[in-house]
């Protein structure tokens, strides 16, 4: 396992993460982006957007990671934020992060491993 660093609005958090878990998180983020884009298209064309399913990603390894986002409350993918929970037996961090930063962090992690 190698360390992933997630950049937050203020600061960052690093923890051990597997390449497989990063690929699964990237797949979930890709699905979330499709939902956000569908909402943006319907909203810009004057239609009422179809409610989209929230993203809930969970990983359990050296730490527990949960990433949650309700795409129905954001007007565009660029405005979207995710709720992050990172915890282990000693500490628990719950915070908000920008979706665009999370995408960059996961892609950077996979690029560094040569797995994109």
PDB file of N, CA and C in Angstrom:
ATOM      1  N   UNK A   1       0.839  -1.186   0.000  1.00  0.00           N
ATOM      2  CA  UNK A   1       0.000   0.000   0.000  1.00  0.00           C
ATOM      3  C   UNK A   1       0.878   1.241   0.000  1.00  0.00           C
ATOM      4  N   UNK A   2       0.414   2.233  -0.702  1.00  0.00           N
ATOM      5  CA  UNK A   2       1.117   3.507  -0.721  1.00  0.00           C
ATOM      6  C   UNK A   2       0.196   4.589  -0.173  1.00  0.00           C
ATOM      7  N   UNK A   3       0.772   5.725   0.140  1.00  0.00           N
ATOM      8  CA  UNK A   3       0.022   6.829   0.723  1.00  0.00           C
ATOM      9  C   UNK A   3      -0.702   7.629  -0.360  1.00  0.00           C
ATOM     10  N   UNK A   4      -1.936   7.980  -0.070  1.00  0.00           N
ATOM     11  CA  UNK A   4      -2.670   8.936  -0.901  1.00  0.00           C
ATOM     12  C   UNK A   4      -2.841  10.193  -0.063  1.00  0.00           C
ATOM     13  N   UNK A   5      -2.755  11.330  -0.699  1.00  0.00           N
ATOM     14  CA  UNK A   5      -2.982  12.604  -0.023  1.00  0.00           C
ATOM     15  C   UNK A   5      -4.209  13.246  -0.641  1.00  0.00           C
ATOM     16  N   UNK A   6      -5.186  13.559   0.205  1.00  0.00           N
ATOM     17  CA  UNK A   6      -6.393  14.250  -0.243  1.00  0.00           C
ATOM     18  C   UNK A   6      -6.303  15.689   0.237  1.00  0.00           C
ATOM     19  N   UNK A   7      -6.379  16.612  -0.696  1.00  0.00           N
ATOM     20  CA  UNK A   7      -6.325  18.034  -0.368  1.00  0.00           C
ATOM     21  C   UNK A   7      -7.715  18.519  -0.002  1.00  0.00           C
ATOM     22  N   UNK A   8      -7.803  19.141   1.145  1.00  0.00           N
ATOM     23  CA  UNK A   8      -9.069  19.631   1.671  1.00  0.00           C
ATOM     24  C   UNK A   8      -9.148  21.137   1.444  1.00  0.00           C
ATOM     25  N   UNK A   9     -10.255  21.736   1.835  1.00  0.00           N
ATOM     26  CA  UNK A   9     -10.395  23.181   1.701  1.00  0.00           C
ATOM     27  C   UNK A   9      -9.287  23.874   2.498  1.00  0.00           C
ATOM     28  N   UNK A  10      -9.019  23.370   3.689  1.00  0.00           N
ATOM     29  CA  UNK A  10      -7.910  23.870   4.505  1.00  0.00           C
ATOM     30  C   UNK A  10      -7.099  22.678   4.971  1.00  0.00           C
ATOM     31  N   UNK A  11      -5.939  22.494   4.405  1.00  0.00           N
ATOM     32  CA  UNK A  11      -5.068  21.398   4.806  1.00  0.00           C
ATOM     33  C   UNK A  11      -5.215  20.183   3.912  1.00  0.00           C
ATOM     34  N   UNK A  12      -4.692  19.074   4.409  1.00  0.00           N
ATOM     35  CA  UNK A  12      -4.760  17.821   3.661  1.00  0.00           C
ATOM     36  C   UNK A  12      -4.697  16.662   4.644  1.00  0.00           C
ATOM     37  N   UNK A  13      -5.012  15.476   4.142  1.00  0.00           N
ATOM     38  CA  UNK A  13      -4.927  14.263   4.950  1.00  0.00           C
ATOM     39  C   UNK A  13      -4.292  13.180   4.083  1.00  0.00           C
ATOM     40  N   UNK A  14      -3.373  12.417   4.677  1.00  0.00           N
ATOM     41  CA  UNK A  14      -2.700  11.321   3.971  1.00  0.00           C
ATOM     42  C   UNK A  14      -2.916  10.030   4.738  1.00  0.00           C
ATOM     43  N   UNK A  15      -3.066   8.936   3.987  1.00  0.00           N
ATOM     44  CA  UNK A  15      -3.246   7.628   4.609  1.00  0.00           C
ATOM     45  C   UNK A  15      -2.911   6.550   3.597  1.00  0.00           C
ATOM     46  N   UNK A  16      -2.735   5.325   4.082  1.00  0.00           N
ATOM     47  CA  UNK A  16      -2.435   4.192   3.204  1.00  0.00           C
ATOM     48  C   UNK A  16      -3.671   3.829   2.405  1.00  0.00           C
ATOM     49  N   UNK A  17      -3.463   3.566   1.110  1.00  0.00           N
ATOM     50  CA  UNK A  17      -4.571   3.291   0.198  1.00  0.00           C
ATOM     51  C   UNK A  17      -4.056   2.346  -0.873  1.00  0.00           C
ATOM     52  N   UNK A  18      -4.898   1.446  -1.334  1.00  0.00           N
ATOM     53  CA  UNK A  18      -4.474   0.492  -2.355  1.00  0.00           C
ATOM     54  C   UNK A  18      -4.836   1.002  -3.750  1.00  0.00           C
ATOM     55  N   UNK A  19      -4.080   0.591  -4.760  1.00  0.00           N
ATOM     56  CA  UNK A  19      -4.424   0.972  -6.136  1.00  0.00           C
ATOM     57  C   UNK A  19      -5.825   0.490  -6.529  1.00  0.00           C
ATOM     58  N   UNK A  20      -6.193  -0.707  -6.095  1.00  0.00           N
ATOM     59  CA  UNK A  20      -7.528  -1.232  -6.413  1.00  0.00           C
ATOM     60  C   UNK A  20      -8.612  -0.343  -5.812  1.00  0.00           C
ATOM     61  N   UNK A  21      -8.426   0.080  -4.576  1.00  0.00           N
ATOM     62  CA  UNK A  21      -9.402   0.961  -3.933  1.00  0.00           C
ATOM     63  C   UNK A  21      -9.479   2.297  -4.666  1.00  0.00           C
ATOM     64  N   UNK A  22      -8.343   2.805  -5.124  1.00  0.00           N
ATOM     65  CA  UNK A  22      -8.328   4.067  -5.871  1.00  0.00           C
ATOM     66  C   UNK A  22      -9.082   3.928  -7.190  1.00  0.00           C
ATOM     67  N   UNK A  23      -8.912   2.801  -7.869  1.00  0.00           N
ATOM     68  CA  UNK A  23      -9.640   2.578  -9.128  1.00  0.00           C
ATOM     69  C   UNK A  23     -11.145   2.513  -8.872  1.00  0.00           C
ATOM     70  N   UNK A  24     -11.548   1.859  -7.786  1.00  0.00           N
ATOM     71  CA  UNK A  24     -12.981   1.788  -7.460  1.00  0.00           C
ATOM     72  C   UNK A  24     -13.532   3.171  -7.120  1.00  0.00           C
ATOM     73  N   UNK A  25     -12.757   3.950  -6.369  1.00  0.00           N
ATOM     74  CA  UNK A  25     -13.185   5.311  -6.049  1.00  0.00           C
ATOM     75  C   UNK A  25     -13.304   6.135  -7.327  1.00  0.00           C
ATOM     76  N   UNK A  26     -12.374   5.992  -8.233  1.00  0.00           N
ATOM     77  CA  UNK A  26     -12.425   6.714  -9.515  1.00  0.00           C
ATOM     78  C   UNK A  26     -13.681   6.331 -10.299  1.00  0.00           C
ATOM     79  N   UNK A  27     -14.045   5.038 -10.299  1.00  0.00           N
ATOM     80  CA  UNK A  27     -15.269   4.599 -10.982  1.00  0.00           C
ATOM     81  C   UNK A  27     -16.501   5.256 -10.360  1.00  0.00           C
ATOM     82  N   UNK A  28     -16.545   5.315  -9.040  1.00  0.00           N
ATOM     83  CA  UNK A  28     -17.675   5.953  -8.359  1.00  0.00           C
ATOM     84  C   UNK A  28     -17.737   7.447  -8.692  1.00  0.00           C
ATOM     85  N   UNK A  29     -16.578   8.085  -8.718  1.00  0.00           N
ATOM     86  CA  UNK A  29     -16.529   9.511  -9.059  1.00  0.00           C
ATOM     87  C   UNK A  29     -16.980   9.724 -10.503  1.00  0.00           C
ATOM     88  N   UNK A  30     -16.577   8.843 -11.408  1.00  0.00           N
ATOM     89  CA  UNK A  30     -17.009   8.952 -12.811  1.00  0.00           C
ATOM     90  C   UNK A  30     -18.526   8.867 -12.919  1.00  0.00           C
ATOM     91  N   UNK A  31     -19.140   7.951 -12.163  1.00  0.00           N
ATOM     92  CA  UNK A  31     -20.610   7.841 -12.161  1.00  0.00           C
ATOM     93  C   UNK A  31     -21.247   9.109 -11.592  1.00  0.00           C
ATOM     94  N   UNK A  32     -20.653   9.625 -10.526  1.00  0.00           N
ATOM     95  CA  UNK A  32     -21.151  10.861  -9.926  1.00  0.00           C
ATOM     96  C   UNK A  32     -21.083  12.008 -10.931  1.00  0.00           C
ATOM     97  N   UNK A  33     -19.987  12.101 -11.667  1.00  0.00           N
ATOM     98  CA  UNK A  33     -19.843  13.159 -12.673  1.00  0.00           C
ATOM     99  C   UNK A  33     -20.931  13.051 -13.739  1.00  0.00           C
ATOM    100  N   UNK A  34     -21.264  11.839 -14.155  1.00  0.00           N
ATOM    101  CA  UNK A  34     -22.337  11.659 -15.138  1.00  0.00           C
ATOM    102  C   UNK A  34     -23.664  12.162 -14.576  1.00  0.00           C
ATOM    103  N   UNK A  35     -23.927  11.874 -13.309  1.00  0.00           N
ATOM    104  CA  UNK A  35     -25.155  12.360 -12.667  1.00  0.00           C
ATOM    105  C   UNK A  35     -25.173  13.881 -12.603  1.00  0.00           C
ATOM    106  N   UNK A  36     -24.055  14.466 -12.212  1.00  0.00           N
ATOM    107  CA  UNK A  36     -23.973  15.925 -12.118  1.00  0.00           C
ATOM    108  C   UNK A  36     -24.144  16.580 -13.488  1.00  0.00           C
ATOM    109  N   UNK A  37     -23.567  15.980 -14.513  1.00  0.00           N
ATOM    110  CA  UNK A  37     -23.703  16.526 -15.869  1.00  0.00           C
ATOM    111  C   UNK A  37     -25.146  16.425 -16.352  1.00  0.00           C
ATOM    112  N   UNK A  38     -25.818  15.316 -16.036  1.00  0.00           N
ATOM    113  CA  UNK A  38     -27.222  15.151 -16.429  1.00  0.00           C
ATOM    114  C   UNK A  38     -28.091  16.215 -15.766  1.00  0.00           C
ATOM    115  N   UNK A  39     -27.827  16.494 -14.511  1.00  0.00           N
ATOM    116  CA  UNK A  39     -28.579  17.529 -13.796  1.00  0.00           C
ATOM    117  C   UNK A  39     -28.319  18.893 -14.428  1.00  0.00           C
ATOM    118  N   UNK A  40     -27.062  19.196 -14.730  1.00  0.00           N
ATOM    119  CA  UNK A  40     -26.705  20.495 -15.315  1.00  0.00           C
ATOM    120  C   UNK A  40     -27.362  20.692 -16.677  1.00  0.00           C
ATOM    121  N   UNK A  41     -27.397  19.644 -17.500  1.00  0.00           N
ATOM    122  CA  UNK A  41     -28.008  19.742 -18.828  1.00  0.00           C
ATOM    123  C   UNK A  41     -29.507  19.997 -18.704  1.00  0.00           C
ATOM    124  N   UNK A  42     -30.185  19.253 -17.839  1.00  0.00           N
ATOM    125  CA  UNK A  42     -31.625  19.442 -17.663  1.00  0.00           C
ATOM    126  C   UNK A  42     -31.941  20.820 -17.102  1.00  0.00           C
ATOM    127  N   UNK A  43     -31.136  21.284 -16.167  1.00  0.00           N
ATOM    128  CA  UNK A  43     -31.370  22.591 -15.562  1.00  0.00           C
ATOM    129  C   UNK A  43     -31.156  23.707 -16.571  1.00  0.00           C
ATOM    130  N   UNK A  44     -30.099  23.610 -17.377  1.00  0.00           N
ATOM    131  CA  UNK A  44     -29.807  24.673 -18.347  1.00  0.00           C
ATOM    132  C   UNK A  44     -30.813  24.707 -19.487  1.00  0.00           C
ATOM    133  N   UNK A  45     -31.453  23.585 -19.776  1.00  0.00           N
ATOM    134  CA  UNK A  45     -32.445  23.568 -20.852  1.00  0.00           C
ATOM    135  C   UNK A  45     -33.840  23.913 -20.336  1.00  0.00           C
ATOM    136  N   UNK A  46     -33.927  24.294 -19.071  1.00  0.00           N
ATOM    137  CA  UNK A  46     -35.206  24.713 -18.518  1.00  0.00           C
ATOM    138  C   UNK A  46     -36.058  23.577 -18.002  1.00  0.00           C
ATOM    139  N   UNK A  47     -35.594  22.365 -18.153  1.00  0.00           N
ATOM    140  CA  UNK A  47     -36.356  21.223 -17.662  1.00  0.00           C
ATOM    141  C   UNK A  47     -36.102  20.965 -16.192  1.00  0.00           C
ATOM    142  N   UNK A  48     -36.948  20.140 -15.644  1.00  0.00           N
ATOM    143  CA  UNK A  48     -36.763  19.751 -14.250  1.00  0.00           C
ATOM    144  C   UNK A  48     -35.885  18.503 -14.236  1.00  0.00           C
ATOM    145  N   UNK A  49     -34.767  18.558 -13.536  1.00  0.00           N
ATOM    146  CA  UNK A  49     -33.857  17.409 -13.542  1.00  0.00           C
ATOM    147  C   UNK A  49     -34.442  16.199 -12.824  1.00  0.00           C
ATOM    148  N   UNK A  50     -34.134  15.035 -13.358  1.00  0.00           N
ATOM    149  CA  UNK A  50     -34.518  13.786 -12.712  1.00  0.00           C
ATOM    150  C   UNK A  50     -33.609  13.589 -11.506  1.00  0.00           C
ATOM    151  N   UNK A  51     -34.168  13.300 -10.339  1.00  0.00           N
ATOM    152  CA  UNK A  51     -33.319  13.083  -9.163  1.00  0.00           C
ATOM    153  C   UNK A  51     -32.302  11.970  -9.416  1.00  0.00           C
ATOM    154  N   UNK A  52     -31.078  12.229  -9.017  1.00  0.00           N
ATOM    155  CA  UNK A  52     -29.982  11.284  -9.210  1.00  0.00           C
ATOM    156  C   UNK A  52     -29.606  10.642  -7.876  1.00  0.00           C
ATOM    157  N   UNK A  53     -29.065   9.446  -7.966  1.00  0.00           N
ATOM    158  CA  UNK A  53     -28.654   8.702  -6.780  1.00  0.00           C
ATOM    159  C   UNK A  53     -27.389   9.311  -6.172  1.00  0.00           C
ATOM    160  N   UNK A  54     -27.348   9.378  -4.853  1.00  0.00           N
ATOM    161  CA  UNK A  54     -26.160   9.874  -4.153  1.00  0.00           C
ATOM    162  C   UNK A  54     -25.008   8.894  -4.299  1.00  0.00           C
ATOM    163  N   UNK A  55     -23.798   9.425  -4.201  1.00  0.00           N
ATOM    164  CA  UNK A  55     -22.610   8.577  -4.221  1.00  0.00           C
ATOM    165  C   UNK A  55     -22.201   8.298  -2.784  1.00  0.00           C
ATOM    166  N   UNK A  56     -22.018   7.022  -2.476  1.00  0.00           N
ATOM    167  CA  UNK A  56     -21.503   6.615  -1.171  1.00  0.00           C
ATOM    168  C   UNK A  56     -20.420   5.589  -1.414  1.00  0.00           C
ATOM    169  N   UNK A  57     -19.192   5.983  -1.184  1.00  0.00           N
ATOM    170  CA  UNK A  57     -18.053   5.083  -1.365  1.00  0.00           C
ATOM    171  C   UNK A  57     -17.471   4.784   0.007  1.00  0.00           C
ATOM    172  N   UNK A  58     -17.180   3.504   0.249  1.00  0.00           N
ATOM    173  CA  UNK A  58     -16.565   3.105   1.522  1.00  0.00           C
ATOM    174  C   UNK A  58     -15.373   2.207   1.259  1.00  0.00           C
ATOM    175  N   UNK A  59     -14.327   2.448   2.021  1.00  0.00           N
ATOM    176  CA  UNK A  59     -13.109   1.641   1.955  1.00  0.00           C
ATOM    177  C   UNK A  59     -12.668   1.347   3.382  1.00  0.00           C
ATOM    178  N   UNK A  60     -12.321   0.094   3.614  1.00  0.00           N
ATOM    179  CA  UNK A  60     -11.785  -0.286   4.915  1.00  0.00           C
ATOM    180  C   UNK A  60     -10.446  -0.957   4.700  1.00  0.00           C
ATOM    181  N   UNK A  61      -9.424  -0.382   5.262  1.00  0.00           N
ATOM    182  CA  UNK A  61      -8.061  -0.910   5.201  1.00  0.00           C
ATOM    183  C   UNK A  61      -7.389  -0.512   6.495  1.00  0.00           C
ATOM    184  N   UNK A  62      -6.219   0.127   6.394  1.00  0.00           N
ATOM    185  CA  UNK A  62      -5.584   0.670   7.599  1.00  0.00           C
ATOM    186  C   UNK A  62      -6.466   1.734   8.237  1.00  0.00           C
ATOM    187  N   UNK A  63      -7.247   2.414   7.411  1.00  0.00           N
ATOM    188  CA  UNK A  63      -8.220   3.399   7.883  1.00  0.00           C
ATOM    189  C   UNK A  63      -9.565   3.092   7.228  1.00  0.00           C
ATOM    190  N   UNK A  64     -10.602   3.694   7.773  1.00  0.00           N
ATOM    191  CA  UNK A  64     -11.919   3.649   7.154  1.00  0.00           C
ATOM    192  C   UNK A  64     -12.093   4.965   6.411  1.00  0.00           C
ATOM    193  N   UNK A  65     -12.466   4.880   5.147  1.00  0.00           N
ATOM    194  CA  UNK A  65     -12.711   6.072   4.333  1.00  0.00           C
ATOM    195  C   UNK A  65     -14.131   6.007   3.808  1.00  0.00           C
ATOM    196  N   UNK A  66     -14.849   7.098   3.962  1.00  0.00           N
ATOM    197  CA  UNK A  66     -16.174   7.217   3.364  1.00  0.00           C
ATOM    198  C   UNK A  66     -16.222   8.533   2.602  1.00  0.00           C
ATOM    199  N   UNK A  67     -16.734   8.459   1.377  1.00  0.00           N
ATOM    200  CA  UNK A  67     -16.904   9.642   0.535  1.00  0.00           C
ATOM    201  C   UNK A  67     -18.378   9.683   0.143  1.00  0.00           C
ATOM    202  N   UNK A  68     -19.040  10.800   0.427  1.00  0.00           N
ATOM    203  CA  UNK A  68     -20.467  10.931   0.154  1.00  0.00           C
ATOM    204  C   UNK A  68     -20.723  12.222  -0.610  1.00  0.00           C
ATOM    205  N   UNK A  69     -21.627  12.145  -1.586  1.00  0.00           N
ATOM    206  CA  UNK A  69     -22.045  13.346  -2.316  1.00  0.00           C
ATOM    207  C   UNK A  69     -23.472  13.161  -2.823  1.00  0.00           C
ATOM    208  N   UNK A  70     -24.312  14.152  -2.576  1.00  0.00           N
ATOM    209  CA  UNK A  70     -25.657  14.181  -3.127  1.00  0.00           C
ATOM    210  C   UNK A  70     -25.631  15.110  -4.340  1.00  0.00           C
ATOM    211  N   UNK A  71     -25.667  14.562  -5.555  1.00  0.00           N
ATOM    212  CA  UNK A  71     -25.542  15.402  -6.752  1.00  0.00           C
ATOM    213  C   UNK A  71     -26.734  16.323  -6.985  1.00  0.00           C
ATOM    214  N   UNK A  72     -27.846  16.060  -6.327  1.00  0.00           N
ATOM    215  CA  UNK A  72     -29.065  16.830  -6.565  1.00  0.00           C
ATOM    216  C   UNK A  72     -29.024  18.245  -5.984  1.00  0.00           C
ATOM    217  N   UNK A  73     -28.022  18.542  -5.164  1.00  0.00           N
ATOM    218  CA  UNK A  73     -27.985  19.866  -4.532  1.00  0.00           C
ATOM    219  C   UNK A  73     -26.963  20.806  -5.166  1.00  0.00           C
ATOM    220  N   UNK A  74     -26.300  20.363  -6.225  1.00  0.00           N
ATOM    221  CA  UNK A  74     -25.276  21.189  -6.870  1.00  0.00           C
ATOM    222  C   UNK A  74     -25.676  21.510  -8.305  1.00  0.00           C
ATOM    223  N   UNK A  75     -25.500  22.772  -8.725  1.00  0.00           N
ATOM    224  CA  UNK A  75     -25.897  23.164 -10.080  1.00  0.00           C
ATOM    225  C   UNK A  75     -24.958  22.663 -11.170  1.00  0.00           C
ATOM    226  N   UNK A  76     -23.714  22.338 -10.796  1.00  0.00           N
ATOM    227  CA  UNK A  76     -22.758  21.862 -11.799  1.00  0.00           C
ATOM    228  C   UNK A  76     -21.690  21.013 -11.119  1.00  0.00           C
ATOM    229  N   UNK A  77     -20.962  20.211 -11.899  1.00  0.00           N
ATOM    230  CA  UNK A  77     -19.880  19.406 -11.316  1.00  0.00           C
ATOM    231  C   UNK A  77     -18.804  20.266 -10.653  1.00  0.00           C
ATOM    232  N   UNK A  78     -18.610  21.485 -11.146  1.00  0.00           N
ATOM    233  CA  UNK A  78     -17.555  22.342 -10.607  1.00  0.00           C
ATOM    234  C   UNK A  78     -17.916  22.931  -9.251  1.00  0.00           C
ATOM    235  N   UNK A  79     -19.195  22.941  -8.914  1.00  0.00           N
ATOM    236  CA  UNK A  79     -19.638  23.463  -7.620  1.00  0.00           C
ATOM    237  C   UNK A  79     -19.741  22.362  -6.564  1.00  0.00           C
ATOM    238  N   UNK A  80     -19.692  21.122  -6.995  1.00  0.00           N
ATOM    239  CA  UNK A  80     -19.949  19.993  -6.092  1.00  0.00           C
ATOM    240  C   UNK A  80     -18.862  19.817  -5.041  1.00  0.00           C
ATOM    241  N   UNK A  81     -19.314  19.409  -3.875  1.00  0.00           N
ATOM    242  CA  UNK A  81     -18.412  19.084  -2.769  1.00  0.00           C
ATOM    243  C   UNK A  81     -18.768  17.693  -2.273  1.00  0.00           C
ATOM    244  N   UNK A  82     -17.796  17.061  -1.650  1.00  0.00           N
ATOM    245  CA  UNK A  82     -18.014  15.736  -1.078  1.00  0.00           C
ATOM    246  C   UNK A  82     -17.757  15.808   0.419  1.00  0.00           C
ATOM    247  N   UNK A  83     -18.439  14.951   1.146  1.00  0.00           N
ATOM    248  CA  UNK A  83     -18.194  14.812   2.574  1.00  0.00           C
ATOM    249  C   UNK A  83     -17.252  13.639   2.759  1.00  0.00           C
ATOM    250  N   UNK A  84     -16.159  13.867   3.457  1.00  0.00           N
ATOM    251  CA  UNK A  84     -15.154  12.833   3.688  1.00  0.00           C
ATOM    252  C   UNK A  84     -15.129  12.457   5.159  1.00  0.00           C
ATOM    253  N   UNK A  85     -15.042  11.172   5.413  1.00  0.00           N
ATOM    254  CA  UNK A  85     -14.776  10.676   6.759  1.00  0.00           C
ATOM    255  C   UNK A  85     -13.566   9.769   6.657  1.00  0.00           C
ATOM    256  N   UNK A  86     -12.551  10.058   7.441  1.00  0.00           N
ATOM    257  CA  UNK A  86     -11.361   9.220   7.529  1.00  0.00           C
ATOM    258  C   UNK A  86     -11.185   8.922   9.008  1.00  0.00           C
ATOM    259  N   UNK A  87     -11.144   7.625   9.358  1.00  0.00           N
ATOM    260  CA  UNK A  87     -10.978   7.307  10.779  1.00  0.00           C
ATOM    261  C   UNK A  87     -10.208   6.014  10.962  1.00  0.00           C
ATOM    262  N   UNK A  88      -9.608   5.915  12.109  1.00  0.00           N
ATOM    263  CA  UNK A  88      -9.010   4.664  12.559  1.00  0.00           C
ATOM    264  C   UNK A  88      -9.329   4.544  14.044  1.00  0.00           C
ATOM    265  N   UNK A  89      -8.618   3.691  14.755  1.00  0.00           N
ATOM    266  CA  UNK A  89      -8.958   3.484  16.162  1.00  0.00           C
ATOM    267  C   UNK A  89      -8.546   4.654  17.059  1.00  0.00           C
ATOM    268  N   UNK A  90      -7.778   5.609  16.537  1.00  0.00           N
ATOM    269  CA  UNK A  90      -7.307   6.722  17.359  1.00  0.00           C
ATOM    270  C   UNK A  90      -7.893   8.078  16.983  1.00  0.00           C
ATOM    271  N   UNK A  91      -8.266   8.249  15.731  1.00  0.00           N
ATOM    272  CA  UNK A  91      -8.698   9.574  15.277  1.00  0.00           C
ATOM    273  C   UNK A  91      -9.824   9.446  14.254  1.00  0.00           C
ATOM    274  N   UNK A  92     -10.660  10.476  14.227  1.00  0.00           N
ATOM    275  CA  UNK A  92     -11.747  10.534  13.243  1.00  0.00           C
ATOM    276  C   UNK A  92     -11.766  11.947  12.658  1.00  0.00           C
ATOM    277  N   UNK A  93     -11.713  12.026  11.332  1.00  0.00           N
ATOM    278  CA  UNK A  93     -11.753  13.305  10.628  1.00  0.00           C
ATOM    279  C   UNK A  93     -12.976  13.301   9.724  1.00  0.00           C
ATOM    280  N   UNK A  94     -13.835  14.292   9.924  1.00  0.00           N
ATOM    281  CA  UNK A  94     -15.000  14.470   9.057  1.00  0.00           C
ATOM    282  C   UNK A  94     -14.916  15.885   8.506  1.00  0.00           C
ATOM    283  N   UNK A  95     -14.922  16.004   7.186  1.00  0.00           N
ATOM    284  CA  UNK A  95     -14.767  17.316   6.569  1.00  0.00           C
ATOM    285  C   UNK A  95     -15.364  17.321   5.172  1.00  0.00           C
ATOM    286  N   UNK A  96     -15.331  18.483   4.568  1.00  0.00           N
ATOM    287  CA  UNK A  96     -15.840  18.669   3.216  1.00  0.00           C
ATOM    288  C   UNK A  96     -14.651  18.932   2.294  1.00  0.00           C
ATOM    289  N   UNK A  97     -14.741  18.435   1.075  1.00  0.00           N
ATOM    290  CA  UNK A  97     -13.688  18.675   0.083  1.00  0.00           C
ATOM    291  C   UNK A  97     -14.345  18.980  -1.256  1.00  0.00           C
ATOM    292  N   UNK A  98     -13.646  19.726  -2.076  1.00  0.00           N
ATOM    293  CA  UNK A  98     -14.148  20.025  -3.413  1.00  0.00           C
ATOM    294  C   UNK A  98     -14.006  18.786  -4.284  1.00  0.00           C
ATOM    295  N   UNK A  99     -15.046  18.473  -5.033  1.00  0.00           N
ATOM    296  CA  UNK A  99     -15.020  17.300  -5.907  1.00  0.00           C
ATOM    297  C   UNK A  99     -13.870  17.388  -6.905  1.00  0.00           C
ATOM    298  N   UNK A 100     -13.647  18.558  -7.470  1.00  0.00           N
ATOM    299  CA  UNK A 100     -12.577  18.692  -8.466  1.00  0.00           C
ATOM    300  C   UNK A 100     -11.211  18.370  -7.868  1.00  0.00           C
ATOM    301  N   UNK A 101     -10.987  18.755  -6.616  1.00  0.00           N
ATOM    302  CA  UNK A 101      -9.713  18.431  -5.952  1.00  0.00           C
ATOM    303  C   UNK A 101      -9.591  16.937  -5.702  1.00  0.00           C
ATOM    304  N   UNK A 102     -10.686  16.313  -5.298  1.00  0.00           N
ATOM    305  CA  UNK A 102     -10.663  14.868  -5.061  1.00  0.00           C
ATOM    306  C   UNK A 102     -10.319  14.130  -6.350  1.00  0.00           C
ATOM    307  N   UNK A 103     -10.912  14.554  -7.454  1.00  0.00           N
ATOM    308  CA  UNK A 103     -10.615  13.933  -8.754  1.00  0.00           C
ATOM    309  C   UNK A 103      -9.127  14.061  -9.062  1.00  0.00           C
ATOM    310  N   UNK A 104      -8.583  15.251  -8.891  1.00  0.00           N
ATOM    311  CA  UNK A 104      -7.154  15.476  -9.149  1.00  0.00           C
ATOM    312  C   UNK A 104      -6.280  14.609  -8.252  1.00  0.00           C
ATOM    313  N   UNK A 105      -6.645  14.495  -6.979  1.00  0.00           N
ATOM    314  CA  UNK A 105      -5.842  13.716  -6.030  1.00  0.00           C
ATOM    315  C   UNK A 105      -5.833  12.233  -6.375  1.00  0.00           C
ATOM    316  N   UNK A 106      -6.989  11.689  -6.744  1.00  0.00           N
ATOM    317  CA  UNK A 106      -7.070  10.267  -7.103  1.00  0.00           C
ATOM    318  C   UNK A 106      -6.303  10.021  -8.403  1.00  0.00           C
ATOM    319  N   UNK A 107      -6.461  10.909  -9.377  1.00  0.00           N
ATOM    320  CA  UNK A 107      -5.731  10.750 -10.642  1.00  0.00           C
ATOM    321  C   UNK A 107      -4.223  10.850 -10.431  1.00  0.00           C
ATOM    322  N   UNK A 108      -3.786  11.774  -9.581  1.00  0.00           N
ATOM    323  CA  UNK A 108      -2.354  11.914  -9.285  1.00  0.00           C
ATOM    324  C   UNK A 108      -1.823  10.644  -8.618  1.00  0.00           C
ATOM    325  N   UNK A 109      -2.582  10.094  -7.692  1.00  0.00           N
ATOM    326  CA  UNK A 109      -2.189   8.857  -7.009  1.00  0.00           C
ATOM    327  C   UNK A 109      -2.010   7.723  -8.020  1.00  0.00           C
ATOM    328  N   UNK A 110      -2.989   7.559  -8.909  1.00  0.00           N
ATOM    329  CA  UNK A 110      -2.910   6.492  -9.915  1.00  0.00           C
ATOM    330  C   UNK A 110      -1.793   6.760 -10.923  1.00  0.00           C
ATOM    331  N   UNK A 111      -1.608   8.014 -11.310  1.00  0.00           N
ATOM    332  CA  UNK A 111      -0.507   8.366 -12.227  1.00  0.00           C
ATOM    333  C   UNK A 111       0.843   8.012 -11.620  1.00  0.00           C
ATOM    334  N   UNK A 112       1.020   8.326 -10.348  1.00  0.00           N
ATOM    335  CA  UNK A 112       2.288   8.034  -9.674  1.00  0.00           C
ATOM    336  C   UNK A 112       2.573   6.541  -9.619  1.00  0.00           C
ATOM    337  N   UNK A 113       1.516   5.738  -9.645  1.00  0.00           N
ATOM    338  CA  UNK A 113       1.679   4.284  -9.650  1.00  0.00           C
ATOM    339  C   UNK A 113       1.732   3.733 -11.070  1.00  0.00           C
ATOM    340  N   UNK A 114       1.502   4.601 -12.058  1.00  0.00           N
ATOM    341  CA  UNK A 114       1.472   4.158 -13.452  1.00  0.00           C
ATOM    342  C   UNK A 114       0.247   3.327 -13.770  1.00  0.00           C
ATOM    343  N   UNK A 115      -0.905   3.651 -13.120  1.00  0.00           N
ATOM    344  CA  UNK A 115      -2.098   2.813 -13.261  1.00  0.00           C
ATOM    345  C   UNK A 115      -3.311   3.566 -13.773  1.00  0.00           C
ATOM    346  N   UNK A 116      -3.126   4.599 -14.572  1.00  0.00           N
ATOM    347  CA  UNK A 116      -4.301   5.288 -15.124  1.00  0.00           C
ATOM    348  C   UNK A 116      -4.619   4.780 -16.497  1.00  0.00           C
TER     349      UNK A 116
END
